[in-house]
Amino acid sequence: MKRLVLIDGHALLHRAYHAFPKTLTTRSGELVNAVYGFNRILLSTLKELEPDYLIVAVDLPEPNFRHKEFVGYQAQRPKTDNELISQIERVYETVEAFNIPILSCKGYEADDVIGTLSAQAEKNKIETIIVTGDKDIMQLATSKTKLFVPERGSSKMRMYASKDVEGYLGIKPSQIIDYKGLVGDPSDNYPGIPGIGPKTAVKLLKEYKTFKEIYKNLDKINPNIAEKLREGKTSGLLSRKLAKIIRDIPVKLSLKKAKLKDYDPEKVENLYNELGFKSLLKSLPKAEEEAKDTQMSLI
């Protein structure tokens, strides 16, 4: 089965920015800690996952439909550091040096781009692996779609299949949207249902499976909890809508463009040397022509 890898660009960029020290600079003093961290994950992805197709999905700076649905969406988040913003174009430069396409969609988040592309890949019977540091994307895990996630406090990556997500969260990937509807998400600033915490939400979903079925069975639920559910239903429905990754936005999976092409090693090496990434040079994948030359020399 062919393999498509989708990289959650900005999620990994933010993670790298906070994970690597700001002492990582070029000779001219340009800060490149996020660029370095992102490229470490990119090289690890190429080596360990050996994709046939690869796309980097990114967010756009302007508001998306979720901000229109809920004015407070992500409103509590501090403004992105200028020191991180200044590295975004450098990341794009390194990605493009590998001939990897970068994809976004106006009005939507990178999550929605990834959700749509993975849905199209599943229909084409292509295995998909999503490389991300964003646990929200776990809702996309299926029999054909897995997640490759950096382990907290480690340089290692961990693969999550659908059953692994359930073991990690205590609920199925398909229930994550309903879970978020019940408890909300402080990182995205939507409230869920006041008074319903994680333990209660998991218990309800284990018993009744879905948000809809929970509300059909309010008469069977503890009266105090049922009252909170009744009072917070509108908030819960909105939170559920905000949590749901859209899988049919106007982007198309072009396997021709996504096909992992041969890259120019000299171009990447020059860029890495400029950025001061000499430690990453040994991890560069062999270009097709270089691999052929190596094989010929062994014959």
C-alpha atoms as a PDB file:
ATOM      1  CA  MET A   1       0.000   0.000   0.000  1.00  0.00           C
ATOM      2  CA  LYS A   2       1.279   3.477  -0.906  1.00  0.00           C
ATOM      3  CA  ARG A   3       1.960   5.825   1.999  1.00  0.00           C
ATOM      4  CA  LEU A   4       1.066   9.511   2.323  1.00  0.00           C
ATOM      5  CA  VAL A   5       2.636  11.559   5.110  1.00  0.00           C
ATOM      6  CA  LEU A   6       0.967  14.821   6.146  1.00  0.00           C
ATOM      7  CA  ILE A   7       3.047  17.167   8.299  1.00  0.00           C
ATOM      8  CA  ASP A   8       1.238  19.613  10.590  1.00  0.00           C
ATOM      9  CA  GLY A   9       3.589  22.499   9.868  1.00  0.00           C
ATOM     10  CA  HIS A  10       2.782  25.156  12.429  1.00  0.00           C
ATOM     11  CA  ALA A  11       2.078  22.705  15.269  1.00  0.00           C
ATOM     12  CA  LEU A  12       5.574  21.265  14.878  1.00  0.00           C
ATOM     13  CA  LEU A  13       7.112  24.696  14.360  1.00  0.00           C
ATOM     14  CA  HIS A  14       5.637  25.974  17.650  1.00  0.00           C
ATOM     15  CA  ARG A  15       6.761  22.832  19.438  1.00  0.00           C
ATOM     16  CA  ALA A  16      10.302  23.160  18.078  1.00  0.00           C
ATOM     17  CA  TYR A  17      10.482  26.850  19.024  1.00  0.00           C
ATOM     18  CA  HIS A  18       9.776  26.071  22.675  1.00  0.00           C
ATOM     19  CA  ALA A  19      11.830  22.857  22.766  1.00  0.00           C
ATOM     20  CA  PHE A  20      15.170  24.146  21.482  1.00  0.00           C
ATOM     21  CA  PRO A  21      17.331  26.874  23.051  1.00  0.00           C
ATOM     22  CA  LYS A  22      17.570  30.360  21.630  1.00  0.00           C
ATOM     23  CA  THR A  23      21.325  29.946  21.491  1.00  0.00           C
ATOM     24  CA  LEU A  24      20.781  28.208  18.135  1.00  0.00           C
ATOM     25  CA  THR A  25      21.700  30.993  15.732  1.00  0.00           C
ATOM     26  CA  THR A  26      23.513  31.398  12.440  1.00  0.00           C
ATOM     27  CA  ARG A  27      26.947  33.022  12.222  1.00  0.00           C
ATOM     28  CA  SER A  28      25.208  36.312  11.474  1.00  0.00           C
ATOM     29  CA  GLY A  29      23.088  36.011  14.633  1.00  0.00           C
ATOM     30  CA  GLU A  30      19.809  34.927  13.009  1.00  0.00           C
ATOM     31  CA  LEU A  31      17.697  32.836  15.417  1.00  0.00           C
ATOM     32  CA  VAL A  32      16.948  29.410  13.904  1.00  0.00           C
ATOM     33  CA  ASN A  33      15.992  27.161  16.844  1.00  0.00           C
ATOM     34  CA  ALA A  34      12.503  26.445  15.429  1.00  0.00           C
ATOM     35  CA  VAL A  35      13.897  25.868  11.937  1.00  0.00           C
ATOM     36  CA  TYR A  36      16.407  23.410  13.373  1.00  0.00           C
ATOM     37  CA  GLY A  37      13.814  21.511  15.413  1.00  0.00           C
ATOM     38  CA  PHE A  38      11.403  21.320  12.491  1.00  0.00           C
ATOM     39  CA  ASN A  39      14.101  19.971  10.179  1.00  0.00           C
ATOM     40  CA  ARG A  40      15.118  17.341  12.722  1.00  0.00           C
ATOM     41  CA  ILE A  41      11.547  16.032  12.684  1.00  0.00           C
ATOM     42  CA  LEU A  42      11.393  16.290   8.878  1.00  0.00           C
ATOM     43  CA  LEU A  43      14.552  14.201   8.463  1.00  0.00           C
ATOM     44  CA  SER A  44      13.326  11.688  11.034  1.00  0.00           C
ATOM     45  CA  THR A  45      10.048  11.443   9.114  1.00  0.00           C
ATOM     46  CA  LEU A  46      11.803  10.789   5.804  1.00  0.00           C
ATOM     47  CA  LYS A  47      14.026   8.117   7.344  1.00  0.00           C
ATOM     48  CA  GLU A  48      11.547   6.281   9.563  1.00  0.00           C
ATOM     49  CA  LEU A  49       8.331   6.533   7.555  1.00  0.00           C
ATOM     50  CA  GLU A  50       9.722   6.305   3.992  1.00  0.00           C
ATOM     51  CA  PRO A  51       6.708   8.045   2.420  1.00  0.00           C
ATOM     52  CA  ASP A  52       5.686   7.786  -1.223  1.00  0.00           C
ATOM     53  CA  TYR A  53       3.865  11.115  -0.930  1.00  0.00           C
ATOM     54  CA  LEU A  54       4.480  14.035   1.408  1.00  0.00           C
ATOM     55  CA  ILE A  55       2.690  17.342   2.063  1.00  0.00           C
ATOM     56  CA  VAL A  56       3.227  20.039   4.701  1.00  0.00           C
ATOM     57  CA  ALA A  57      -0.044  21.693   5.799  1.00  0.00           C
ATOM     58  CA  VAL A  58       0.120  25.165   7.367  1.00  0.00           C
ATOM     59  CA  ASP A  59      -2.171  27.746   8.949  1.00  0.00           C
ATOM     60  CA  LEU A  60      -2.751  31.155   7.411  1.00  0.00           C
ATOM     61  CA  PRO A  61      -2.343  34.298   9.554  1.00  0.00           C
ATOM     62  CA  GLU A  62      -5.901  35.578   9.052  1.00  0.00           C
ATOM     63  CA  PRO A  63      -8.923  34.390  11.112  1.00  0.00           C
ATOM     64  CA  ASN A  64     -10.711  31.192  10.060  1.00  0.00           C
ATOM     65  CA  PHE A  65     -14.353  30.113  10.252  1.00  0.00           C
ATOM     66  CA  ARG A  66     -14.008  29.123  13.926  1.00  0.00           C
ATOM     67  CA  HIS A  67     -13.228  32.718  14.884  1.00  0.00           C
ATOM     68  CA  LYS A  68     -16.459  33.751  13.154  1.00  0.00           C
ATOM     69  CA  GLU A  69     -18.451  31.044  14.951  1.00  0.00           C
ATOM     70  CA  PHE A  70     -17.072  32.038  18.357  1.00  0.00           C
ATOM     71  CA  VAL A  71     -15.475  35.431  18.974  1.00  0.00           C
ATOM     72  CA  GLY A  72     -13.512  34.073  21.924  1.00  0.00           C
ATOM     73  CA  TYR A  73     -11.884  31.284  19.914  1.00  0.00           C
ATOM     74  CA  GLN A  74      -8.173  31.191  20.870  1.00  0.00           C
ATOM     75  CA  ALA A  75      -8.596  34.723  22.239  1.00  0.00           C
ATOM     76  CA  GLN A  76      -6.605  33.960  25.395  1.00  0.00           C
ATOM     77  CA  ARG A  77      -3.514  32.890  23.489  1.00  0.00           C
ATOM     78  CA  PRO A  78      -0.569  35.265  23.709  1.00  0.00           C
ATOM     79  CA  LYS A  79       0.511  36.880  20.486  1.00  0.00           C
ATOM     80  CA  THR A  80       2.996  34.752  18.558  1.00  0.00           C
ATOM     81  CA  ASP A  81       6.567  35.802  19.313  1.00  0.00           C
ATOM     82  CA  ASN A  82       8.190  37.828  16.559  1.00  0.00           C
ATOM     83  CA  GLU A  83      11.234  35.592  17.025  1.00  0.00           C
ATOM     84  CA  LEU A  84       9.094  32.657  15.899  1.00  0.00           C
ATOM     85  CA  ILE A  85       7.339  34.532  13.089  1.00  0.00           C
ATOM     86  CA  SER A  86      10.726  35.498  11.655  1.00  0.00           C
ATOM     87  CA  GLN A  87      11.583  31.796  11.254  1.00  0.00           C
ATOM     88  CA  ILE A  88       8.491  30.729   9.302  1.00  0.00           C
ATOM     89  CA  GLU A  89       9.849  31.706   5.892  1.00  0.00           C
ATOM     90  CA  ARG A  90      13.101  29.900   6.671  1.00  0.00           C
ATOM     91  CA  VAL A  91      11.127  26.729   7.401  1.00  0.00           C
ATOM     92  CA  TYR A  92       9.287  27.103   4.092  1.00  0.00           C
ATOM     93  CA  GLU A  93      12.641  27.584   2.376  1.00  0.00           C
ATOM     94  CA  THR A  94      13.980  24.302   3.751  1.00  0.00           C
ATOM     95  CA  VAL A  95      10.778  22.403   2.915  1.00  0.00           C
ATOM     96  CA  GLU A  96      10.802  23.710  -0.655  1.00  0.00           C
ATOM     97  CA  ALA A  97      14.474  22.731  -0.991  1.00  0.00           C
ATOM     98  CA  PHE A  98      13.303  19.117  -0.611  1.00  0.00           C
ATOM     99  CA  ASN A  99      10.640  19.680  -3.321  1.00  0.00           C
ATOM    100  CA  ILE A 100       7.866  19.105  -0.766  1.00  0.00           C
ATOM    101  CA  PRO A 101       4.580  20.987  -1.413  1.00  0.00           C
ATOM    102  CA  ILE A 102       3.160  23.353   1.233  1.00  0.00           C
ATOM    103  CA  LEU A 103      -0.640  23.547   1.375  1.00  0.00           C
ATOM    104  CA  SER A 104      -3.138  25.843   3.130  1.00  0.00           C
ATOM    105  CA  CYS A 105      -6.763  26.892   2.621  1.00  0.00           C
ATOM    106  CA  LYS A 106      -8.291  30.312   3.248  1.00  0.00           C
ATOM    107  CA  GLY A 107     -10.852  30.288   6.053  1.00  0.00           C
ATOM    108  CA  TYR A 108      -9.660  26.992   7.513  1.00  0.00           C
ATOM    109  CA  GLU A 109      -6.911  25.622   9.730  1.00  0.00           C
ATOM    110  CA  ALA A 110      -4.123  23.217   8.851  1.00  0.00           C
ATOM    111  CA  ASP A 111      -6.106  20.584  10.806  1.00  0.00           C
ATOM    112  CA  ASP A 112      -8.927  20.876   8.262  1.00  0.00           C
ATOM    113  CA  VAL A 113      -6.479  20.609   5.358  1.00  0.00           C
ATOM    114  CA  ILE A 114      -5.036  17.461   6.928  1.00  0.00           C
ATOM    115  CA  GLY A 115      -8.495  16.067   7.668  1.00  0.00           C
ATOM    116  CA  THR A 116      -9.648  16.580   4.088  1.00  0.00           C
ATOM    117  CA  LEU A 117      -6.501  15.169   2.486  1.00  0.00           C
ATOM    118  CA  SER A 118      -6.535  12.106   4.750  1.00  0.00           C
ATOM    119  CA  ALA A 119     -10.205  11.471   3.905  1.00  0.00           C
ATOM    120  CA  GLN A 120      -9.395  11.614   0.183  1.00  0.00           C
ATOM    121  CA  ALA A 121      -6.401   9.318   0.705  1.00  0.00           C
ATOM    122  CA  GLU A 122      -8.562   6.763   2.513  1.00  0.00           C
ATOM    123  CA  LYS A 123     -10.963   6.685  -0.440  1.00  0.00           C
ATOM    124  CA  ASN A 124      -7.970   5.994  -2.697  1.00  0.00           C
ATOM    125  CA  LYS A 125      -6.813   3.172  -0.374  1.00  0.00           C
ATOM    126  CA  ILE A 126      -3.645   5.036   0.570  1.00  0.00           C
ATOM    127  CA  GLU A 127      -2.202   4.683   4.057  1.00  0.00           C
ATOM    128  CA  THR A 128      -1.852   8.058   5.780  1.00  0.00           C
ATOM    129  CA  ILE A 129       0.442   9.043   8.630  1.00  0.00           C
ATOM    130  CA  ILE A 130      -0.014  12.478  10.198  1.00  0.00           C
ATOM    131  CA  VAL A 131       3.071  14.009  11.822  1.00  0.00           C
ATOM    132  CA  THR A 132       1.879  16.419  14.499  1.00  0.00           C
ATOM    133  CA  GLY A 133       2.288  17.630  18.050  1.00  0.00           C
ATOM    134  CA  ASP A 134      -1.424  18.484  18.265  1.00  0.00           C
ATOM    135  CA  LYS A 135      -3.453  15.896  20.177  1.00  0.00           C
ATOM    136  CA  ASP A 136      -6.724  17.280  18.693  1.00  0.00           C
ATOM    137  CA  ILE A 137      -5.816  15.552  15.421  1.00  0.00           C
ATOM    138  CA  MET A 138      -6.175  12.191  17.168  1.00  0.00           C
ATOM    139  CA  GLN A 139      -9.846  12.332  16.137  1.00  0.00           C
ATOM    140  CA  LEU A 140      -8.664  11.486  12.596  1.00  0.00           C
ATOM    141  CA  ALA A 141      -7.142   8.122  13.559  1.00  0.00           C
ATOM    142  CA  THR A 142      -8.735   5.215  11.663  1.00  0.00           C
ATOM    143  CA  SER A 143      -7.703   1.824  10.322  1.00  0.00           C
ATOM    144  CA  LYS A 144      -5.957   3.624   7.428  1.00  0.00           C
ATOM    145  CA  THR A 145      -4.780   6.797   9.201  1.00  0.00           C
ATOM    146  CA  LYS A 146      -2.192   6.899  12.008  1.00  0.00           C
ATOM    147  CA  LEU A 147      -0.400   9.645  13.903  1.00  0.00           C
ATOM    148  CA  PHE A 148       3.351  10.111  14.406  1.00  0.00           C
ATOM    149  CA  VAL A 149       3.765  12.299  17.496  1.00  0.00           C
ATOM    150  CA  PRO A 150       6.851  13.632  19.319  1.00  0.00           C
ATOM    151  CA  GLU A 151       7.037  12.214  22.838  1.00  0.00           C
ATOM    152  CA  ARG A 152       6.999  14.852  25.557  1.00  0.00           C
ATOM    153  CA  GLY A 153      10.473  15.618  26.872  1.00  0.00           C
ATOM    154  CA  SER A 154      12.109  13.358  24.302  1.00  0.00           C
ATOM    155  CA  SER A 155      13.479  13.486  20.779  1.00  0.00           C
ATOM    156  CA  LYS A 156      11.703  10.213  20.008  1.00  0.00           C
ATOM    157  CA  MET A 157       8.495   9.922  17.993  1.00  0.00           C
ATOM    158  CA  ARG A 158       5.601   7.599  18.813  1.00  0.00           C
ATOM    159  CA  MET A 159       3.120   6.031  16.398  1.00  0.00           C
ATOM    160  CA  TYR A 160      -0.562   6.104  17.347  1.00  0.00           C
ATOM    161  CA  ALA A 161      -3.019   3.781  15.642  1.00  0.00           C
ATOM    162  CA  SER A 162      -6.726   4.022  16.450  1.00  0.00           C
ATOM    163  CA  LYS A 163      -6.459   1.501  19.316  1.00  0.00           C
ATOM    164  CA  ASP A 164      -3.471   3.401  20.765  1.00  0.00           C
ATOM    165  CA  VAL A 165      -5.507   6.610  20.864  1.00  0.00           C
ATOM    166  CA  GLU A 166      -8.236   4.800  22.784  1.00  0.00           C
ATOM    167  CA  GLY A 167      -5.660   3.396  25.207  1.00  0.00           C
ATOM    168  CA  TYR A 168      -4.140   6.864  25.699  1.00  0.00           C
ATOM    169  CA  LEU A 169      -7.349   8.894  26.073  1.00  0.00           C
ATOM    170  CA  GLY A 170      -9.809   6.289  27.311  1.00  0.00           C
ATOM    171  CA  ILE A 171     -12.191   7.045  24.437  1.00  0.00           C
ATOM    172  CA  LYS A 172     -12.294   6.191  20.742  1.00  0.00           C
ATOM    173  CA  PRO A 173     -11.003   8.697  18.158  1.00  0.00           C
ATOM    174  CA  SER A 174     -14.579   9.135  16.895  1.00  0.00           C
ATOM    175  CA  GLN A 175     -15.625  10.254  20.405  1.00  0.00           C
ATOM    176  CA  ILE A 176     -13.045  13.026  20.765  1.00  0.00           C
ATOM    177  CA  ILE A 177     -15.356  15.619  19.191  1.00  0.00           C
ATOM    178  CA  ASP A 178     -18.111  14.735  21.673  1.00  0.00           C
ATOM    179  CA  TYR A 179     -15.603  14.759  24.531  1.00  0.00           C
ATOM    180  CA  LYS A 180     -14.479  18.268  23.573  1.00  0.00           C
ATOM    181  CA  GLY A 181     -18.114  19.319  23.368  1.00  0.00           C
ATOM    182  CA  LEU A 182     -18.581  18.203  26.958  1.00  0.00           C
ATOM    183  CA  VAL A 183     -15.363  19.473  28.586  1.00  0.00           C
ATOM    184  CA  GLY A 184     -14.251  22.223  26.181  1.00  0.00           C
ATOM    185  CA  ASP A 185     -10.634  23.080  25.429  1.00  0.00           C
ATOM    186  CA  PRO A 186      -8.747  25.726  27.432  1.00  0.00           C
ATOM    187  CA  SER A 187      -5.999  25.962  24.795  1.00  0.00           C
ATOM    188  CA  ASP A 188      -8.562  27.008  22.170  1.00  0.00           C
ATOM    189  CA  ASN A 189     -10.700  28.879  24.726  1.00  0.00           C
ATOM    190  CA  TYR A 190     -14.067  27.226  24.120  1.00  0.00           C
ATOM    191  CA  PRO A 191     -15.970  26.297  27.265  1.00  0.00           C
ATOM    192  CA  GLY A 192     -17.741  22.973  26.780  1.00  0.00           C
ATOM    193  CA  ILE A 193     -20.443  22.429  29.402  1.00  0.00           C
ATOM    194  CA  PRO A 194     -19.783  24.152  32.757  1.00  0.00           C
ATOM    195  CA  GLY A 195     -19.411  21.628  35.556  1.00  0.00           C
ATOM    196  CA  ILE A 196     -18.624  18.652  33.312  1.00  0.00           C
ATOM    197  CA  GLY A 197     -15.036  17.516  33.799  1.00  0.00           C
ATOM    198  CA  PRO A 198     -12.884  14.928  32.011  1.00  0.00           C
ATOM    199  CA  LYS A 199     -13.776  11.980  34.275  1.00  0.00           C
ATOM    200  CA  THR A 200     -17.510  12.604  33.973  1.00  0.00           C
ATOM    201  CA  ALA A 201     -17.236  13.083  30.208  1.00  0.00           C
ATOM    202  CA  VAL A 202     -15.336   9.811  29.716  1.00  0.00           C
ATOM    203  CA  LYS A 203     -17.829   7.957  31.932  1.00  0.00           C
ATOM    204  CA  LEU A 204     -20.787   9.352  29.969  1.00  0.00           C
ATOM    205  CA  LEU A 205     -19.215   8.474  26.615  1.00  0.00           C
ATOM    206  CA  LYS A 206     -18.369   4.951  27.730  1.00  0.00           C
ATOM    207  CA  GLU A 207     -21.991   4.488  28.776  1.00  0.00           C
ATOM    208  CA  TYR A 208     -23.854   6.298  25.981  1.00  0.00           C
ATOM    209  CA  LYS A 209     -21.222   6.466  23.177  1.00  0.00           C
ATOM    210  CA  THR A 210     -22.167   9.847  21.652  1.00  0.00           C
ATOM    211  CA  PHE A 211     -23.140  13.403  22.588  1.00  0.00           C
ATOM    212  CA  LYS A 212     -26.543  12.845  20.991  1.00  0.00           C
ATOM    213  CA  GLU A 213     -27.236   9.631  22.914  1.00  0.00           C
ATOM    214  CA  ILE A 214     -26.233  11.271  26.193  1.00  0.00           C
ATOM    215  CA  TYR A 215     -28.989  13.836  25.693  1.00  0.00           C
ATOM    216  CA  LYS A 216     -31.489  11.147  24.751  1.00  0.00           C
ATOM    217  CA  ASN A 217     -30.867   9.482  28.113  1.00  0.00           C
ATOM    218  CA  LEU A 218     -30.837  12.428  30.520  1.00  0.00           C
ATOM    219  CA  ASP A 219     -33.545  10.754  32.617  1.00  0.00           C
ATOM    220  CA  LYS A 220     -31.098   7.896  33.376  1.00  0.00           C
ATOM    221  CA  ILE A 221     -28.222  10.175  34.390  1.00  0.00           C
ATOM    222  CA  ASN A 222     -27.474  11.536  37.870  1.00  0.00           C
ATOM    223  CA  PRO A 223     -29.903  14.488  38.342  1.00  0.00           C
ATOM    224  CA  ASN A 224     -27.154  17.000  39.188  1.00  0.00           C
ATOM    225  CA  ILE A 225     -25.159  16.067  36.087  1.00  0.00           C
ATOM    226  CA  ALA A 226     -28.289  15.964  33.932  1.00  0.00           C
ATOM    227  CA  GLU A 227     -29.166  19.497  35.030  1.00  0.00           C
ATOM    228  CA  LYS A 228     -25.708  20.756  34.041  1.00  0.00           C
ATOM    229  CA  LEU A 229     -26.096  19.047  30.674  1.00  0.00           C
ATOM    230  CA  ARG A 230     -29.489  20.698  30.098  1.00  0.00           C
ATOM    231  CA  GLU A 231     -28.261  24.155  31.067  1.00  0.00           C
ATOM    232  CA  GLY A 232     -25.055  23.883  29.056  1.00  0.00           C
ATOM    233  CA  LYS A 233     -26.375  22.224  25.905  1.00  0.00           C
ATOM    234  CA  THR A 234     -25.998  25.294  23.668  1.00  0.00           C
ATOM    235  CA  SER A 235     -22.427  25.822  24.828  1.00  0.00           C
ATOM    236  CA  GLY A 236     -21.703  22.123  24.372  1.00  0.00           C
ATOM    237  CA  LEU A 237     -23.023  22.051  20.822  1.00  0.00           C
ATOM    238  CA  LEU A 238     -20.938  25.099  19.892  1.00  0.00           C
ATOM    239  CA  SER A 239     -17.821  23.597  21.481  1.00  0.00           C
ATOM    240  CA  ARG A 240     -18.407  20.335  19.630  1.00  0.00           C
ATOM    241  CA  LYS A 241     -18.679  22.245  16.342  1.00  0.00           C
ATOM    242  CA  LEU A 242     -15.438  24.112  17.015  1.00  0.00           C
ATOM    243  CA  ALA A 243     -13.625  20.884  17.922  1.00  0.00           C
ATOM    244  CA  LYS A 244     -14.658  19.018  14.795  1.00  0.00           C
ATOM    245  CA  ILE A 245     -12.020  18.863  12.071  1.00  0.00           C
ATOM    246  CA  ILE A 246     -13.680  19.500   8.713  1.00  0.00           C
ATOM    247  CA  ARG A 247     -12.929  16.780   6.159  1.00  0.00           C
ATOM    248  CA  ASP A 248     -14.447  18.219   2.994  1.00  0.00           C
ATOM    249  CA  ILE A 249     -12.937  21.690   2.544  1.00  0.00           C
ATOM    250  CA  PRO A 250     -12.009  22.902  -0.972  1.00  0.00           C
ATOM    251  CA  VAL A 251      -8.554  21.318  -1.257  1.00  0.00           C
ATOM    252  CA  LYS A 252      -7.652  18.422  -3.524  1.00  0.00           C
ATOM    253  CA  LEU A 253      -5.105  15.689  -2.965  1.00  0.00           C
ATOM    254  CA  SER A 254      -2.810  15.744  -5.987  1.00  0.00           C
ATOM    255  CA  LEU A 255      -0.697  12.606  -5.824  1.00  0.00           C
ATOM    256  CA  LYS A 256       1.387  13.916  -8.710  1.00  0.00           C
ATOM    257  CA  LYS A 257       2.377  17.044  -6.757  1.00  0.00           C
ATOM    258  CA  ALA A 258       2.705  15.168  -3.462  1.00  0.00           C
ATOM    259  CA  LYS A 259       4.935  12.428  -4.869  1.00  0.00           C
ATOM    260  CA  LEU A 260       8.253  12.566  -3.071  1.00  0.00           C
ATOM    261  CA  LYS A 261      10.627  13.794  -5.751  1.00  0.00           C
ATOM    262  CA  ASP A 262      14.358  13.637  -6.011  1.00  0.00           C
ATOM    263  CA  TYR A 263      15.941  16.723  -4.468  1.00  0.00           C
ATOM    264  CA  ASP A 264      19.150  18.619  -5.110  1.00  0.00           C
ATOM    265  CA  PRO A 265      21.519  17.572  -2.290  1.00  0.00           C
ATOM    266  CA  GLU A 266      23.891  20.453  -2.997  1.00  0.00           C
ATOM    267  CA  LYS A 267      21.077  22.990  -2.599  1.00  0.00           C
ATOM    268  CA  VAL A 268      19.993  21.527   0.746  1.00  0.00           C
ATOM    269  CA  GLU A 269      23.577  21.149   1.978  1.00  0.00           C
ATOM    270  CA  ASN A 270      24.351  24.776   1.127  1.00  0.00           C
ATOM    271  CA  LEU A 271      21.205  25.904   2.943  1.00  0.00           C
ATOM    272  CA  TYR A 272      21.985  23.765   5.992  1.00  0.00           C
ATOM    273  CA  ASN A 273      25.548  25.108   6.082  1.00  0.00           C
ATOM    274  CA  GLU A 274      24.204  28.664   5.881  1.00  0.00           C
ATOM    275  CA  LEU A 275      21.846  27.924   8.787  1.00  0.00           C
ATOM    276  CA  GLY A 276      24.574  26.209  10.795  1.00  0.00           C
ATOM    277  CA  PHE A 277      22.896  22.794  10.718  1.00  0.00           C
ATOM    278  CA  LYS A 278      26.072  20.781  10.135  1.00  0.00           C
ATOM    279  CA  SER A 279      24.914  18.121  12.607  1.00  0.00           C
ATOM    280  CA  LEU A 280      21.935  17.395  10.330  1.00  0.00           C
ATOM    281  CA  LEU A 281      23.983  16.885   7.157  1.00  0.00           C
ATOM    282  CA  LYS A 282      24.712  13.244   7.978  1.00  0.00           C
ATOM    283  CA  SER A 283      20.959  12.596   8.273  1.00  0.00           C
ATOM    284  CA  LEU A 284      20.122  13.814   4.763  1.00  0.00           C
ATOM    285  CA  PRO A 285      18.488  11.105   2.639  1.00  0.00           C
ATOM    286  CA  LYS A 286      20.431  10.012  -0.408  1.00  0.00           C
ATOM    287  CA  ALA A 287      19.202  11.529  -3.658  1.00  0.00           C
ATOM    288  CA  GLU A 288      18.245   9.040  -6.372  1.00  0.00           C
ATOM    289  CA  GLU A 289      21.252   9.742  -8.588  1.00  0.00           C
ATOM    290  CA  GLU A 290      23.642   9.533  -5.640  1.00  0.00           C
ATOM    291  CA  ALA A 291      22.110   6.192  -4.622  1.00  0.00           C
ATOM    292  CA  LYS A 292      22.554   4.861  -8.181  1.00  0.00           C
ATOM    293  CA  ASP A 293      26.199   5.938  -8.214  1.00  0.00           C
ATOM    294  CA  THR A 294      26.768   4.129  -4.907  1.00  0.00           C
ATOM    295  CA  GLN A 295      25.211   0.956  -6.280  1.00  0.00           C
ATOM    296  CA  MET A 296      27.365   1.137  -9.428  1.00  0.00           C
ATOM    297  CA  SER A 297      30.538   1.497  -7.368  1.00  0.00           C
ATOM    298  CA  LEU A 298      29.648  -1.661  -5.436  1.00  0.00           C
ATOM    299  CA  ILE A 299      29.150  -3.751  -8.577  1.00  0.00           C
END
